[in-house]
Amino acid sequence: MSDDLAHFHPLDPGRINTLDPVELRYWCRQLKCNETQLRQAVIKVGDHVTAVRNQLVTTAPG
């Protein structure tokens, strides 16, 4: 499988599917975080992209 995510689009762009490794890589790139940070945010606030994005911003160092 290629690491090129240029043409990948999630089936539901409003939610993060943590069971799909390609989608995880996509969202990590989009949200500028690593997989652990993404998974922790999803556990804390659910899988809605806006909630996860807000959680990542509030827990970002600096």
C-alpha atoms as a PDB file:
ATOM      1  CA  MET A   1       0.000   0.000   0.000  1.00  0.00           C
ATOM      2  CA  SER A   2       1.275   3.433  -0.887  1.00  0.00           C
ATOM      3  CA  ASP A   3       1.932   6.113   1.708  1.00  0.00           C
ATOM      4  CA  ASP A   4       0.700   8.702  -0.783  1.00  0.00           C
ATOM      5  CA  LEU A   5      -2.450  10.175   0.746  1.00  0.00           C
ATOM      6  CA  ALA A   6      -2.847  12.872  -1.897  1.00  0.00           C
ATOM      7  CA  HIS A   7      -5.988  11.275  -3.348  1.00  0.00           C
ATOM      8  CA  PHE A   8      -7.407   9.745  -0.173  1.00  0.00           C
ATOM      9  CA  HIS A   9     -10.650  11.109   1.260  1.00  0.00           C
ATOM     10  CA  PRO A  10     -12.403   9.570   4.263  1.00  0.00           C
ATOM     11  CA  LEU A  11     -15.853   8.089   3.684  1.00  0.00           C
ATOM     12  CA  ASP A  12     -17.261  10.370   6.407  1.00  0.00           C
ATOM     13  CA  PRO A  13     -15.169  13.556   6.474  1.00  0.00           C
ATOM     14  CA  GLY A  14     -16.777  14.661   9.735  1.00  0.00           C
ATOM     15  CA  ARG A  15     -15.674  11.636  11.744  1.00  0.00           C
ATOM     16  CA  ILE A  16     -12.386   9.879  12.418  1.00  0.00           C
ATOM     17  CA  ASN A  17     -12.369   6.116  11.936  1.00  0.00           C
ATOM     18  CA  THR A  18      -9.582   4.871  14.209  1.00  0.00           C
ATOM     19  CA  LEU A  19     -10.016   1.321  12.894  1.00  0.00           C
ATOM     20  CA  ASP A  20      -8.722   2.242   9.421  1.00  0.00           C
ATOM     21  CA  PRO A  21      -4.911   2.649   9.350  1.00  0.00           C
ATOM     22  CA  VAL A  22      -4.979   4.704   6.138  1.00  0.00           C
ATOM     23  CA  GLU A  23      -7.558   7.057   7.601  1.00  0.00           C
ATOM     24  CA  LEU A  24      -5.489   7.366  10.784  1.00  0.00           C
ATOM     25  CA  ARG A  25      -2.479   8.462   8.743  1.00  0.00           C
ATOM     26  CA  TYR A  26      -4.686  10.898   6.808  1.00  0.00           C
ATOM     27  CA  TRP A  27      -6.066  12.519   9.968  1.00  0.00           C
ATOM     28  CA  CYS A  28      -2.646  12.662  11.638  1.00  0.00           C
ATOM     29  CA  ARG A  29      -1.379  14.581   8.636  1.00  0.00           C
ATOM     30  CA  GLN A  30      -4.439  16.849   8.491  1.00  0.00           C
ATOM     31  CA  LEU A  31      -4.420  17.599  12.228  1.00  0.00           C
ATOM     32  CA  LYS A  32      -0.621  17.731  12.543  1.00  0.00           C
ATOM     33  CA  CYS A  33      -0.387  15.187  15.338  1.00  0.00           C
ATOM     34  CA  ASN A  34       0.878  11.675  15.875  1.00  0.00           C
ATOM     35  CA  GLU A  35      -1.247   8.550  16.148  1.00  0.00           C
ATOM     36  CA  THR A  36      -1.069   8.420  19.953  1.00  0.00           C
ATOM     37  CA  GLN A  37      -2.237  12.019  20.277  1.00  0.00           C
ATOM     38  CA  LEU A  38      -5.063  11.386  17.821  1.00  0.00           C
ATOM     39  CA  ARG A  39      -6.240   8.229  19.568  1.00  0.00           C
ATOM     40  CA  GLN A  40      -6.136   9.927  22.979  1.00  0.00           C
ATOM     41  CA  ALA A  41      -8.171  12.862  21.686  1.00  0.00           C
ATOM     42  CA  VAL A  42     -10.762  10.517  20.145  1.00  0.00           C
ATOM     43  CA  ILE A  43     -11.037   8.613  23.439  1.00  0.00           C
ATOM     44  CA  LYS A  44     -11.534  11.864  25.336  1.00  0.00           C
ATOM     45  CA  VAL A  45     -13.980  13.732  23.077  1.00  0.00           C
ATOM     46  CA  GLY A  46     -15.312  11.231  20.542  1.00  0.00           C
ATOM     47  CA  ASP A  47     -14.725  10.871  16.825  1.00  0.00           C
ATOM     48  CA  HIS A  48     -16.093  14.185  15.505  1.00  0.00           C
ATOM     49  CA  VAL A  49     -13.291  15.988  13.688  1.00  0.00           C
ATOM     50  CA  THR A  50     -14.124  19.423  15.129  1.00  0.00           C
ATOM     51  CA  ALA A  51     -14.092  18.136  18.707  1.00  0.00           C
ATOM     52  CA  VAL A  52     -10.832  16.264  18.125  1.00  0.00           C
ATOM     53  CA  ARG A  53      -9.235  19.314  16.487  1.00  0.00           C
ATOM     54  CA  ASN A  54     -10.264  21.492  19.449  1.00  0.00           C
ATOM     55  CA  GLN A  55      -8.940  18.911  21.924  1.00  0.00           C
ATOM     56  CA  LEU A  56      -5.606  18.724  20.143  1.00  0.00           C
ATOM     57  CA  VAL A  57      -5.279  22.523  20.194  1.00  0.00           C
ATOM     58  CA  THR A  58      -6.019  22.730  23.925  1.00  0.00           C
ATOM     59  CA  THR A  59      -3.532  19.968  24.791  1.00  0.00           C
ATOM     60  CA  ALA A  60      -0.753  21.080  22.428  1.00  0.00           C
ATOM     61  CA  PRO A  61       2.498  21.995  24.180  1.00  0.00           C
ATOM     62  CA  GLY A  62       3.584  25.621  24.076  1.00  0.00           C
END
